[in-house]
Amino acid sequence: MIHFIHVDKYYDQDWPVLKDINFHIKKGEFVFLTGPSGAGKSTVLNLIIMQHQPTSGKVVVGKYNSQVIHARQIPIFRRTLGIVFQDFKLLTDRTVFENVAFALEVTGASRRQIWRRSLAVLNMVGLTHKRNEMPLHLSGGEQQRIAIARAIVNDPFVLLADEPTGNLDPTVSDKVMQLLLKINRIGTTVIMATHDYHLIETYPFRTLALDKGRLVGSGSI
């Protein structure tokens, strides 16, 4: 399956202008999306999740095409994706388990499915023993791992990570990176936006480099 973005132009006064963005990502790839602040990394991710539509051009993710998708289909489409944010976006009034389970509850999963799948992903990220804790009682690295668990609990075929190590120290960043690699190895496509060039140099995956809203490089470091 090919995930394809072909944006001739995207303009919005609140986001960087994008021009001539063309790339495709194969199933199971791990790809870095990089560039300085304001280059358009988050804008590209928002286009991929169809939060925005290109002014001209199209975005194709699996069977979904931005040119023909109906508004009512977008929530269904997004359930096929996992999204990890730099600031975690955890529900502070819910426990670790409840944060992960919430992503399944909104899909109408059964209580048994929610219980089994939530515990399975918490075990995968090494936080089963923290399942009854509140997120604010945990470290930044642990909170990010909860956010990743929540993002993958629906078994997405694409995981989008927007600066997932941006607020973490190098040691914790490496642990988060190892977790993303583990997720990638089981077949999930990972697209990681980052300006951490140390990570990019350490892990030689394909890199899509943006500068001032244009794609200026596509290849390995």
N, C-alpha and C. Protein backbone atom coordinates (compact mmCIF):
# COMPACT_ATOMS: atom_id res chain seq x y z
N MET A 1 0.84 -1.19 0.00
CA MET A 1 0.00 0.00 0.00
C MET A 1 0.88 1.24 0.00
N ILE A 2 0.53 2.23 -0.81
CA ILE A 2 1.32 3.45 -0.95
C ILE A 2 0.58 4.62 -0.28
N HIS A 3 1.30 5.39 0.48
CA HIS A 3 0.77 6.61 1.07
C HIS A 3 1.41 7.75 0.28
N PHE A 4 0.61 8.55 -0.38
CA PHE A 4 1.13 9.48 -1.38
C PHE A 4 0.65 10.90 -1.09
N ILE A 5 1.54 11.85 -1.16
CA ILE A 5 1.16 13.24 -1.01
C ILE A 5 1.69 14.02 -2.20
N HIS A 6 0.80 14.71 -2.87
CA HIS A 6 1.15 15.51 -4.04
C HIS A 6 0.46 16.86 -3.86
N VAL A 7 1.18 17.82 -3.30
CA VAL A 7 0.61 19.13 -2.99
C VAL A 7 1.28 20.17 -3.88
N ASP A 8 0.53 20.65 -4.87
CA ASP A 8 1.07 21.73 -5.70
C ASP A 8 1.20 23.01 -4.87
N LYS A 9 0.19 23.22 -4.02
CA LYS A 9 0.23 24.42 -3.18
C LYS A 9 -0.73 24.24 -2.02
N TYR A 10 -0.32 24.77 -0.86
CA TYR A 10 -1.21 24.85 0.28
C TYR A 10 -0.99 26.19 0.94
N TYR A 11 -2.07 26.93 1.13
CA TYR A 11 -1.95 28.25 1.74
C TYR A 11 -3.02 28.43 2.80
N ASP A 12 -2.58 28.87 3.97
CA ASP A 12 -3.47 29.26 5.05
C ASP A 12 -2.70 30.28 5.87
N GLN A 13 -3.35 31.36 6.25
CA GLN A 13 -2.64 32.44 6.94
C GLN A 13 -2.05 32.02 8.28
N ASP A 14 -2.58 30.93 8.85
CA ASP A 14 -2.08 30.47 10.16
C ASP A 14 -1.02 29.39 10.06
N TRP A 15 -0.68 28.94 8.83
CA TRP A 15 0.28 27.86 8.64
C TRP A 15 1.25 28.21 7.54
N PRO A 16 2.45 27.61 7.55
CA PRO A 16 3.41 27.89 6.48
C PRO A 16 2.86 27.53 5.10
N VAL A 17 3.20 28.35 4.11
CA VAL A 17 2.82 28.06 2.73
C VAL A 17 3.67 26.88 2.23
N LEU A 18 3.01 25.90 1.62
CA LEU A 18 3.71 24.77 1.03
C LEU A 18 3.58 24.82 -0.49
N LYS A 19 4.65 24.46 -1.17
CA LYS A 19 4.64 24.41 -2.63
C LYS A 19 5.43 23.20 -3.11
N ASP A 20 4.92 22.56 -4.14
CA ASP A 20 5.65 21.49 -4.82
C ASP A 20 6.14 20.39 -3.87
N ILE A 21 5.22 19.88 -3.04
CA ILE A 21 5.54 18.78 -2.13
C ILE A 21 5.05 17.49 -2.77
N ASN A 22 5.96 16.61 -3.12
CA ASN A 22 5.60 15.35 -3.76
C ASN A 22 6.42 14.21 -3.16
N PHE A 23 5.76 13.24 -2.57
CA PHE A 23 6.48 12.05 -2.09
C PHE A 23 5.49 10.91 -1.89
N HIS A 24 6.00 9.69 -1.86
CA HIS A 24 5.19 8.54 -1.47
C HIS A 24 5.99 7.69 -0.50
N ILE A 25 5.27 7.02 0.36
CA ILE A 25 5.88 6.20 1.41
C ILE A 25 5.25 4.82 1.33
N LYS A 26 6.08 3.80 1.26
CA LYS A 26 5.58 2.43 1.15
C LYS A 26 5.21 1.87 2.52
N LYS A 27 4.35 0.88 2.48
CA LYS A 27 3.94 0.21 3.71
C LYS A 27 5.17 -0.34 4.43
N GLY A 28 5.23 -0.08 5.73
CA GLY A 28 6.32 -0.61 6.55
C GLY A 28 7.56 0.24 6.60
N GLU A 29 7.58 1.36 5.89
CA GLU A 29 8.75 2.25 5.93
C GLU A 29 8.81 3.02 7.24
N PHE A 30 10.01 3.46 7.60
CA PHE A 30 10.23 4.44 8.66
C PHE A 30 10.86 5.65 7.98
N VAL A 31 10.20 6.79 8.08
CA VAL A 31 10.64 7.99 7.37
C VAL A 31 10.72 9.16 8.34
N PHE A 32 11.83 9.89 8.27
CA PHE A 32 11.95 11.14 9.01
C PHE A 32 11.46 12.29 8.14
N LEU A 33 10.71 13.20 8.75
CA LEU A 33 10.31 14.46 8.13
C LEU A 33 11.02 15.55 8.91
N THR A 34 11.95 16.25 8.26
CA THR A 34 12.80 17.15 9.01
C THR A 34 12.87 18.54 8.38
N GLY A 35 13.48 19.45 9.11
CA GLY A 35 13.61 20.82 8.67
C GLY A 35 13.55 21.75 9.86
N PRO A 36 13.98 22.99 9.70
CA PRO A 36 13.96 23.94 10.82
C PRO A 36 12.55 24.31 11.23
N SER A 37 12.41 24.94 12.38
CA SER A 37 11.09 25.40 12.83
C SER A 37 10.47 26.31 11.77
N GLY A 38 9.20 26.08 11.48
CA GLY A 38 8.52 26.88 10.48
C GLY A 38 8.68 26.39 9.06
N ALA A 39 9.38 25.25 8.89
CA ALA A 39 9.60 24.73 7.54
C ALA A 39 8.36 24.11 6.93
N GLY A 40 7.42 23.68 7.79
CA GLY A 40 6.18 23.09 7.29
C GLY A 40 5.95 21.65 7.70
N LYS A 41 6.74 21.14 8.66
CA LYS A 41 6.61 19.73 9.05
C LYS A 41 5.22 19.42 9.60
N SER A 42 4.77 20.22 10.55
CA SER A 42 3.46 19.97 11.14
C SER A 42 2.35 20.18 10.13
N THR A 43 2.55 21.11 9.21
CA THR A 43 1.55 21.35 8.17
C THR A 43 1.40 20.12 7.29
N VAL A 44 2.51 19.51 6.93
CA VAL A 44 2.46 18.28 6.13
C VAL A 44 1.71 17.19 6.89
N LEU A 45 1.99 17.04 8.18
CA LEU A 45 1.28 16.02 8.96
C LEU A 45 -0.21 16.31 9.02
N ASN A 46 -0.57 17.58 9.14
CA ASN A 46 -2.00 17.95 9.17
C ASN A 46 -2.67 17.66 7.83
N LEU A 47 -1.93 17.80 6.75
CA LEU A 47 -2.47 17.45 5.45
C LEU A 47 -2.66 15.93 5.34
N ILE A 48 -1.71 15.17 5.88
CA ILE A 48 -1.82 13.72 5.82
C ILE A 48 -3.05 13.22 6.58
N ILE A 49 -3.33 13.81 7.74
CA ILE A 49 -4.51 13.38 8.51
C ILE A 49 -5.78 14.05 8.02
N MET A 50 -5.64 14.87 6.99
CA MET A 50 -6.75 15.59 6.36
C MET A 50 -7.44 16.55 7.31
N GLN A 51 -6.63 17.09 8.22
CA GLN A 51 -7.09 18.22 9.04
C GLN A 51 -7.26 19.44 8.15
N HIS A 52 -6.39 19.53 7.14
CA HIS A 52 -6.48 20.57 6.12
C HIS A 52 -6.50 19.90 4.76
N GLN A 53 -6.96 20.64 3.76
CA GLN A 53 -6.94 20.17 2.39
C GLN A 53 -5.99 21.04 1.58
N PRO A 54 -5.22 20.44 0.65
CA PRO A 54 -4.33 21.26 -0.18
C PRO A 54 -5.13 22.21 -1.06
N THR A 55 -4.57 23.41 -1.29
CA THR A 55 -5.21 24.36 -2.18
C THR A 55 -5.28 23.77 -3.59
N SER A 56 -4.22 23.09 -3.98
CA SER A 56 -4.22 22.32 -5.22
C SER A 56 -3.33 21.10 -5.02
N GLY A 57 -3.69 20.01 -5.69
CA GLY A 57 -2.99 18.75 -5.46
C GLY A 57 -3.86 17.81 -4.64
N LYS A 58 -3.28 16.72 -4.16
CA LYS A 58 -4.06 15.74 -3.41
C LYS A 58 -3.17 14.98 -2.44
N VAL A 59 -3.83 14.37 -1.47
CA VAL A 59 -3.18 13.50 -0.50
C VAL A 59 -3.91 12.16 -0.54
N VAL A 60 -3.17 11.08 -0.72
CA VAL A 60 -3.77 9.75 -0.74
C VAL A 60 -3.12 8.91 0.37
N VAL A 61 -3.93 8.44 1.28
CA VAL A 61 -3.45 7.59 2.37
C VAL A 61 -4.27 6.31 2.33
N GLY A 62 -3.63 5.21 1.92
CA GLY A 62 -4.37 3.98 1.74
C GLY A 62 -5.43 4.17 0.67
N LYS A 63 -6.67 3.88 1.01
CA LYS A 63 -7.77 4.01 0.05
C LYS A 63 -8.44 5.39 0.10
N TYR A 64 -7.94 6.27 0.94
CA TYR A 64 -8.57 7.57 1.13
C TYR A 64 -7.85 8.66 0.32
N ASN A 65 -8.62 9.43 -0.44
CA ASN A 65 -8.09 10.47 -1.32
C ASN A 65 -8.70 11.80 -0.90
N SER A 66 -7.87 12.79 -0.63
CA SER A 66 -8.36 14.08 -0.14
C SER A 66 -9.28 14.78 -1.13
N GLN A 67 -9.17 14.45 -2.42
CA GLN A 67 -10.00 15.12 -3.42
C GLN A 67 -11.44 14.63 -3.43
N VAL A 68 -11.66 13.42 -2.92
CA VAL A 68 -13.01 12.85 -3.01
C VAL A 68 -13.58 12.43 -1.65
N ILE A 69 -12.80 12.49 -0.59
CA ILE A 69 -13.29 12.05 0.71
C ILE A 69 -14.40 12.96 1.20
N HIS A 70 -15.44 12.37 1.79
CA HIS A 70 -16.54 13.13 2.36
C HIS A 70 -16.22 13.45 3.83
N ALA A 71 -16.76 14.55 4.30
CA ALA A 71 -16.49 14.98 5.67
C ALA A 71 -16.83 13.88 6.68
N ARG A 72 -17.91 13.14 6.43
CA ARG A 72 -18.32 12.09 7.38
C ARG A 72 -17.36 10.91 7.39
N GLN A 73 -16.53 10.79 6.35
CA GLN A 73 -15.57 9.68 6.29
C GLN A 73 -14.28 9.99 7.04
N ILE A 74 -14.01 11.26 7.29
CA ILE A 74 -12.72 11.64 7.87
C ILE A 74 -12.52 11.03 9.26
N PRO A 75 -13.51 11.05 10.17
CA PRO A 75 -13.29 10.40 11.47
C PRO A 75 -12.99 8.90 11.32
N ILE A 76 -13.64 8.23 10.37
CA ILE A 76 -13.37 6.81 10.14
C ILE A 76 -11.95 6.62 9.62
N PHE A 77 -11.56 7.48 8.70
CA PHE A 77 -10.20 7.45 8.16
C PHE A 77 -9.16 7.61 9.27
N ARG A 78 -9.39 8.54 10.17
CA ARG A 78 -8.38 8.83 11.21
C ARG A 78 -8.24 7.68 12.20
N ARG A 79 -9.24 6.81 12.29
CA ARG A 79 -9.12 5.65 13.17
C ARG A 79 -8.10 4.65 12.64
N THR A 80 -7.71 4.79 11.38
CA THR A 80 -6.69 3.91 10.80
C THR A 80 -5.29 4.45 11.04
N LEU A 81 -5.21 5.64 11.66
CA LEU A 81 -3.93 6.28 11.92
C LEU A 81 -3.66 6.32 13.42
N GLY A 82 -2.38 6.39 13.77
CA GLY A 82 -1.97 6.67 15.14
C GLY A 82 -1.24 8.01 15.12
N ILE A 83 -1.52 8.87 16.09
CA ILE A 83 -0.91 10.20 16.11
C ILE A 83 -0.31 10.47 17.48
N VAL A 84 0.97 10.86 17.48
CA VAL A 84 1.68 11.16 18.72
C VAL A 84 2.13 12.61 18.67
N PHE A 85 1.82 13.36 19.72
CA PHE A 85 2.13 14.78 19.77
C PHE A 85 3.31 15.06 20.70
N GLN A 86 3.99 16.17 20.44
CA GLN A 86 5.11 16.56 21.28
C GLN A 86 4.66 16.83 22.72
N ASP A 87 3.48 17.43 22.87
CA ASP A 87 3.01 17.79 24.22
C ASP A 87 2.05 16.73 24.80
N PHE A 88 2.11 15.52 24.27
CA PHE A 88 1.43 14.32 24.79
C PHE A 88 -0.10 14.34 24.63
N LYS A 89 -0.74 15.44 25.04
CA LYS A 89 -2.21 15.57 24.97
C LYS A 89 -2.92 14.44 25.71
N LEU A 90 -2.42 14.12 26.90
CA LEU A 90 -3.07 13.11 27.73
C LEU A 90 -4.23 13.71 28.51
N LEU A 91 -5.16 12.87 28.90
CA LEU A 91 -6.29 13.30 29.73
C LEU A 91 -5.85 13.23 31.18
N THR A 92 -5.66 14.38 31.79
CA THR A 92 -5.06 14.43 33.13
C THR A 92 -5.99 13.95 34.23
N ASP A 93 -7.29 13.84 33.93
CA ASP A 93 -8.25 13.38 34.94
C ASP A 93 -8.54 11.89 34.82
N ARG A 94 -7.75 11.19 33.99
CA ARG A 94 -7.93 9.75 33.81
C ARG A 94 -6.62 9.04 34.06
N THR A 95 -6.70 7.81 34.48
CA THR A 95 -5.50 7.02 34.75
C THR A 95 -4.80 6.66 33.44
N VAL A 96 -3.61 6.10 33.59
CA VAL A 96 -2.86 5.63 32.43
C VAL A 96 -3.70 4.66 31.61
N PHE A 97 -4.28 3.66 32.27
CA PHE A 97 -5.10 2.68 31.57
C PHE A 97 -6.28 3.36 30.88
N GLU A 98 -6.94 4.28 31.56
CA GLU A 98 -8.12 4.94 31.00
C GLU A 98 -7.75 5.81 29.80
N ASN A 99 -6.56 6.40 29.80
CA ASN A 99 -6.12 7.18 28.65
C ASN A 99 -5.98 6.30 27.42
N VAL A 100 -5.40 5.13 27.60
CA VAL A 100 -5.22 4.21 26.47
C VAL A 100 -6.57 3.63 26.04
N ALA A 101 -7.37 3.24 27.02
CA ALA A 101 -8.66 2.61 26.72
C ALA A 101 -9.60 3.56 26.00
N PHE A 102 -9.47 4.85 26.25
CA PHE A 102 -10.37 5.83 25.65
C PHE A 102 -10.35 5.76 24.12
N ALA A 103 -9.17 5.52 23.55
CA ALA A 103 -9.05 5.44 22.09
C ALA A 103 -9.85 4.27 21.53
N LEU A 104 -10.06 3.25 22.32
CA LEU A 104 -10.87 2.11 21.90
C LEU A 104 -12.35 2.34 22.18
N GLU A 105 -12.64 3.03 23.28
CA GLU A 105 -14.03 3.28 23.64
C GLU A 105 -14.77 4.05 22.55
N VAL A 106 -14.08 5.03 21.94
CA VAL A 106 -14.75 5.85 20.93
C VAL A 106 -15.05 5.07 19.65
N THR A 107 -14.43 3.91 19.49
CA THR A 107 -14.70 3.08 18.31
C THR A 107 -15.82 2.08 18.56
N GLY A 108 -16.29 2.02 19.81
CA GLY A 108 -17.36 1.08 20.12
C GLY A 108 -16.88 -0.32 20.44
N ALA A 109 -15.60 -0.48 20.77
CA ALA A 109 -15.07 -1.80 21.10
C ALA A 109 -15.73 -2.34 22.37
N SER A 110 -15.77 -3.65 22.50
CA SER A 110 -16.36 -4.28 23.68
C SER A 110 -15.46 -4.09 24.89
N ARG A 111 -16.01 -4.26 26.08
CA ARG A 111 -15.23 -4.11 27.30
C ARG A 111 -14.08 -5.11 27.33
N ARG A 112 -14.36 -6.31 26.86
CA ARG A 112 -13.29 -7.33 26.83
C ARG A 112 -12.17 -6.92 25.89
N GLN A 113 -12.53 -6.44 24.70
CA GLN A 113 -11.51 -5.99 23.75
C GLN A 113 -10.70 -4.84 24.32
N ILE A 114 -11.38 -3.90 24.95
CA ILE A 114 -10.70 -2.74 25.53
C ILE A 114 -9.71 -3.19 26.59
N TRP A 115 -10.14 -4.07 27.46
CA TRP A 115 -9.28 -4.55 28.55
C TRP A 115 -8.05 -5.27 28.01
N ARG A 116 -8.25 -6.21 27.11
CA ARG A 116 -7.15 -7.03 26.61
C ARG A 116 -6.19 -6.22 25.76
N ARG A 117 -6.72 -5.40 24.87
CA ARG A 117 -5.84 -4.64 23.97
C ARG A 117 -5.09 -3.55 24.73
N SER A 118 -5.75 -2.87 25.66
CA SER A 118 -5.08 -1.81 26.42
C SER A 118 -3.93 -2.37 27.25
N LEU A 119 -4.16 -3.50 27.91
CA LEU A 119 -3.09 -4.12 28.69
C LEU A 119 -1.95 -4.59 27.79
N ALA A 120 -2.30 -5.07 26.61
CA ALA A 120 -1.26 -5.56 25.68
C ALA A 120 -0.33 -4.43 25.25
N VAL A 121 -0.89 -3.27 24.92
CA VAL A 121 -0.01 -2.18 24.46
C VAL A 121 0.74 -1.55 25.63
N LEU A 122 0.13 -1.53 26.82
CA LEU A 122 0.86 -1.03 27.98
C LEU A 122 2.04 -1.94 28.29
N ASN A 123 1.86 -3.23 28.10
CA ASN A 123 2.97 -4.16 28.27
C ASN A 123 4.05 -3.91 27.22
N MET A 124 3.63 -3.61 26.00
CA MET A 124 4.58 -3.36 24.92
C MET A 124 5.46 -2.15 25.22
N VAL A 125 4.87 -1.10 25.83
CA VAL A 125 5.65 0.11 26.13
C VAL A 125 6.26 0.06 27.52
N GLY A 126 6.07 -1.06 28.23
CA GLY A 126 6.70 -1.24 29.54
C GLY A 126 6.07 -0.47 30.67
N LEU A 127 4.75 -0.26 30.60
CA LEU A 127 4.10 0.55 31.65
C LEU A 127 2.88 -0.13 32.26
N THR A 128 2.80 -1.45 32.17
CA THR A 128 1.67 -2.15 32.78
C THR A 128 1.59 -1.85 34.28
N HIS A 129 2.73 -1.77 34.94
CA HIS A 129 2.76 -1.53 36.38
C HIS A 129 2.33 -0.12 36.76
N LYS A 130 2.19 0.76 35.77
CA LYS A 130 1.77 2.13 36.03
C LYS A 130 0.33 2.39 35.61
N ARG A 131 -0.41 1.33 35.31
CA ARG A 131 -1.72 1.50 34.69
C ARG A 131 -2.72 2.26 35.55
N ASN A 132 -2.57 2.22 36.86
CA ASN A 132 -3.52 2.92 37.74
C ASN A 132 -3.04 4.29 38.20
N GLU A 133 -1.87 4.70 37.69
CA GLU A 133 -1.32 6.02 38.04
C GLU A 133 -2.00 7.11 37.21
N MET A 134 -1.94 8.35 37.71
CA MET A 134 -2.40 9.50 36.94
C MET A 134 -1.22 10.02 36.12
N PRO A 135 -1.45 10.48 34.91
CA PRO A 135 -0.35 10.88 34.02
C PRO A 135 0.60 11.92 34.61
N LEU A 136 0.07 12.90 35.35
CA LEU A 136 0.91 13.97 35.87
C LEU A 136 1.86 13.49 36.97
N HIS A 137 1.66 12.28 37.46
CA HIS A 137 2.57 11.71 38.47
C HIS A 137 3.77 11.01 37.82
N LEU A 138 3.80 10.96 36.50
CA LEU A 138 4.83 10.23 35.78
C LEU A 138 5.83 11.19 35.13
N SER A 139 6.96 10.65 34.75
CA SER A 139 8.00 11.45 34.08
C SER A 139 7.57 11.77 32.65
N GLY A 140 8.29 12.71 32.04
CA GLY A 140 8.00 13.08 30.66
C GLY A 140 8.15 11.90 29.71
N GLY A 141 9.18 11.10 29.91
CA GLY A 141 9.38 9.94 29.07
C GLY A 141 8.27 8.93 29.21
N GLU A 142 7.79 8.72 30.45
CA GLU A 142 6.68 7.79 30.68
C GLU A 142 5.39 8.32 30.05
N GLN A 143 5.18 9.62 30.16
CA GLN A 143 3.98 10.20 29.54
C GLN A 143 4.01 10.04 28.03
N GLN A 144 5.19 10.19 27.43
CA GLN A 144 5.27 10.01 25.99
C GLN A 144 4.99 8.57 25.60
N ARG A 145 5.45 7.64 26.41
CA ARG A 145 5.18 6.22 26.13
C ARG A 145 3.69 5.91 26.25
N ILE A 146 3.00 6.57 27.19
CA ILE A 146 1.55 6.41 27.28
C ILE A 146 0.90 6.93 26.00
N ALA A 147 1.37 8.09 25.54
CA ALA A 147 0.81 8.68 24.32
C ALA A 147 1.02 7.75 23.13
N ILE A 148 2.16 7.09 23.08
CA ILE A 148 2.43 6.14 21.99
C ILE A 148 1.52 4.93 22.12
N ALA A 149 1.34 4.43 23.35
CA ALA A 149 0.45 3.29 23.57
C ALA A 149 -0.96 3.62 23.10
N ARG A 150 -1.43 4.80 23.44
CA ARG A 150 -2.77 5.22 23.01
C ARG A 150 -2.86 5.30 21.48
N ALA A 151 -1.76 5.75 20.85
CA ALA A 151 -1.76 5.90 19.40
C ALA A 151 -1.79 4.58 18.66
N ILE A 152 -1.25 3.53 19.28
CA ILE A 152 -1.17 2.24 18.57
C ILE A 152 -2.21 1.24 19.03
N VAL A 153 -3.05 1.58 20.00
CA VAL A 153 -3.98 0.61 20.56
C VAL A 153 -5.01 0.15 19.52
N ASN A 154 -5.29 0.99 18.52
CA ASN A 154 -6.22 0.60 17.46
C ASN A 154 -5.52 -0.09 16.30
N ASP A 155 -4.26 -0.45 16.49
CA ASP A 155 -3.49 -1.14 15.46
C ASP A 155 -3.48 -0.36 14.14
N PRO A 156 -3.00 0.89 14.16
CA PRO A 156 -3.00 1.71 12.94
C PRO A 156 -2.00 1.19 11.93
N PHE A 157 -2.26 1.47 10.65
CA PHE A 157 -1.28 1.06 9.65
C PHE A 157 -0.25 2.16 9.41
N VAL A 158 -0.53 3.38 9.90
CA VAL A 158 0.43 4.48 9.85
C VAL A 158 0.48 5.15 11.21
N LEU A 159 1.69 5.37 11.73
CA LEU A 159 1.88 6.12 12.97
C LEU A 159 2.59 7.42 12.62
N LEU A 160 1.96 8.55 12.96
CA LEU A 160 2.53 9.86 12.74
C LEU A 160 3.01 10.40 14.08
N ALA A 161 4.27 10.79 14.15
CA ALA A 161 4.84 11.29 15.40
C ALA A 161 5.41 12.69 15.16
N ASP A 162 4.81 13.69 15.79
CA ASP A 162 5.21 15.08 15.59
C ASP A 162 6.14 15.51 16.72
N GLU A 163 7.44 15.53 16.43
CA GLU A 163 8.46 15.91 17.42
C GLU A 163 8.29 15.14 18.73
N PRO A 164 8.21 13.81 18.69
CA PRO A 164 7.92 13.05 19.91
C PRO A 164 9.03 13.09 20.95
N THR A 165 10.23 13.49 20.56
CA THR A 165 11.35 13.56 21.52
C THR A 165 11.74 15.00 21.83
N GLY A 166 10.96 15.95 21.33
CA GLY A 166 11.34 17.36 21.43
C GLY A 166 11.51 17.88 22.84
N ASN A 167 10.74 17.35 23.80
CA ASN A 167 10.79 17.83 25.19
C ASN A 167 11.53 16.88 26.12
N LEU A 168 12.27 15.92 25.54
CA LEU A 168 12.90 14.89 26.35
C LEU A 168 14.42 14.98 26.29
N ASP A 169 15.09 14.52 27.35
CA ASP A 169 16.55 14.53 27.33
C ASP A 169 17.06 13.40 26.44
N PRO A 170 18.35 13.44 26.04
CA PRO A 170 18.86 12.48 25.06
C PRO A 170 18.66 11.02 25.43
N THR A 171 18.85 10.68 26.70
CA THR A 171 18.69 9.28 27.10
C THR A 171 17.26 8.81 26.94
N VAL A 172 16.32 9.63 27.38
CA VAL A 172 14.90 9.29 27.26
C VAL A 172 14.48 9.30 25.79
N SER A 173 15.02 10.25 25.03
CA SER A 173 14.72 10.32 23.59
C SER A 173 15.09 9.01 22.90
N ASP A 174 16.24 8.46 23.27
CA ASP A 174 16.68 7.21 22.65
C ASP A 174 15.72 6.07 23.00
N LYS A 175 15.23 6.04 24.23
CA LYS A 175 14.28 4.99 24.62
C LYS A 175 12.98 5.11 23.83
N VAL A 176 12.52 6.34 23.63
CA VAL A 176 11.31 6.55 22.82
C VAL A 176 11.56 6.11 21.39
N MET A 177 12.75 6.42 20.88
CA MET A 177 13.09 6.03 19.53
C MET A 177 13.12 4.51 19.39
N GLN A 178 13.66 3.83 20.37
CA GLN A 178 13.70 2.37 20.34
C GLN A 178 12.28 1.78 20.31
N LEU A 179 11.37 2.43 21.01
CA LEU A 179 9.98 1.99 21.01
C LEU A 179 9.36 2.18 19.63
N LEU A 180 9.62 3.32 18.99
CA LEU A 180 9.09 3.56 17.65
C LEU A 180 9.65 2.54 16.65
N LEU A 181 10.92 2.19 16.82
CA LEU A 181 11.53 1.17 15.95
C LEU A 181 10.85 -0.19 16.16
N LYS A 182 10.54 -0.49 17.40
CA LYS A 182 9.86 -1.75 17.72
C LYS A 182 8.50 -1.81 17.03
N ILE A 183 7.78 -0.69 17.06
CA ILE A 183 6.47 -0.61 16.42
C ILE A 183 6.63 -0.76 14.90
N ASN A 184 7.65 -0.14 14.36
CA ASN A 184 7.90 -0.23 12.91
C ASN A 184 8.23 -1.66 12.50
N ARG A 185 8.96 -2.37 13.34
CA ARG A 185 9.37 -3.74 12.99
C ARG A 185 8.19 -4.70 12.90
N ILE A 186 7.08 -4.39 13.55
CA ILE A 186 5.92 -5.27 13.45
C ILE A 186 5.05 -4.91 12.24
N GLY A 187 5.52 -3.96 11.43
CA GLY A 187 4.85 -3.68 10.17
C GLY A 187 4.16 -2.34 10.05
N THR A 188 4.16 -1.54 11.11
CA THR A 188 3.51 -0.23 11.07
C THR A 188 4.40 0.79 10.37
N THR A 189 3.84 1.51 9.43
CA THR A 189 4.56 2.61 8.80
C THR A 189 4.70 3.74 9.81
N VAL A 190 5.90 4.31 9.93
CA VAL A 190 6.13 5.40 10.88
C VAL A 190 6.66 6.62 10.13
N ILE A 191 6.01 7.75 10.34
CA ILE A 191 6.47 9.04 9.81
C ILE A 191 6.73 9.93 11.01
N MET A 192 7.98 10.28 11.21
CA MET A 192 8.39 11.03 12.40
C MET A 192 8.94 12.40 12.02
N ALA A 193 8.24 13.45 12.42
CA ALA A 193 8.72 14.81 12.22
C ALA A 193 9.69 15.16 13.34
N THR A 194 10.87 15.66 12.98
CA THR A 194 11.87 15.98 13.99
C THR A 194 12.89 16.97 13.44
N HIS A 195 13.45 17.76 14.34
CA HIS A 195 14.60 18.59 13.96
C HIS A 195 15.84 18.13 14.73
N ASP A 196 15.76 16.92 15.32
CA ASP A 196 16.89 16.35 16.06
C ASP A 196 17.81 15.63 15.08
N TYR A 197 18.82 16.33 14.61
CA TYR A 197 19.70 15.77 13.58
C TYR A 197 20.58 14.65 14.13
N HIS A 198 20.76 14.60 15.44
CA HIS A 198 21.51 13.48 16.02
C HIS A 198 20.76 12.18 15.79
N LEU A 199 19.44 12.20 16.01
CA LEU A 199 18.64 11.00 15.77
C LEU A 199 18.69 10.60 14.30
N ILE A 200 18.60 11.60 13.43
CA ILE A 200 18.60 11.32 11.99
C ILE A 200 19.92 10.71 11.55
N GLU A 201 21.01 11.18 12.13
CA GLU A 201 22.32 10.63 11.78
C GLU A 201 22.53 9.24 12.39
N THR A 202 21.90 9.01 13.55
CA THR A 202 22.06 7.73 14.24
C THR A 202 21.27 6.61 13.55
N TYR A 203 20.09 6.95 13.05
CA TYR A 203 19.22 5.95 12.44
C TYR A 203 19.06 6.29 10.95
N PRO A 204 19.71 5.55 10.08
CA PRO A 204 19.79 5.92 8.66
C PRO A 204 18.55 5.55 7.84
N PHE A 205 17.41 6.13 8.21
CA PHE A 205 16.20 5.93 7.43
C PHE A 205 16.04 7.05 6.40
N ARG A 206 15.12 6.85 5.48
CA ARG A 206 14.88 7.88 4.48
C ARG A 206 14.43 9.17 5.15
N THR A 207 14.93 10.27 4.65
CA THR A 207 14.65 11.57 5.24
C THR A 207 14.03 12.49 4.20
N LEU A 208 12.87 13.06 4.54
CA LEU A 208 12.23 14.08 3.71
C LEU A 208 12.52 15.42 4.36
N ALA A 209 13.31 16.24 3.69
CA ALA A 209 13.75 17.51 4.27
C ALA A 209 12.96 18.67 3.69
N LEU A 210 12.40 19.49 4.58
CA LEU A 210 11.65 20.67 4.18
C LEU A 210 12.41 21.93 4.52
N ASP A 211 12.25 22.94 3.70
CA ASP A 211 12.82 24.26 3.99
C ASP A 211 11.92 25.31 3.34
N LYS A 212 11.40 26.20 4.17
CA LYS A 212 10.53 27.28 3.69
C LYS A 212 9.38 26.77 2.84
N GLY A 213 8.79 25.65 3.30
CA GLY A 213 7.61 25.13 2.64
C GLY A 213 7.84 24.31 1.41
N ARG A 214 9.08 24.01 1.11
CA ARG A 214 9.40 23.20 -0.07
C ARG A 214 10.16 21.95 0.35
N LEU A 215 9.98 20.89 -0.42
CA LEU A 215 10.73 19.66 -0.20
C LEU A 215 12.08 19.83 -0.90
N VAL A 216 13.15 19.85 -0.08
CA VAL A 216 14.48 20.13 -0.64
C VAL A 216 15.38 18.90 -0.65
N GLY A 217 14.90 17.79 -0.11
CA GLY A 217 15.70 16.58 -0.10
C GLY A 217 14.86 15.37 0.24
N SER A 218 15.15 14.25 -0.40
CA SER A 218 14.45 13.00 -0.13
C SER A 218 15.42 11.86 -0.31
N GLY A 219 15.97 11.38 0.79
CA GLY A 219 16.94 10.31 0.71
C GLY A 219 17.52 10.02 2.06
N SER A 220 18.51 9.16 2.11
CA SER A 220 19.17 8.81 3.37
C SER A 220 20.26 9.83 3.67
N ILE A 221 20.48 10.08 4.95
CA ILE A 221 21.56 10.97 5.39
C ILE A 221 22.89 10.31 5.09
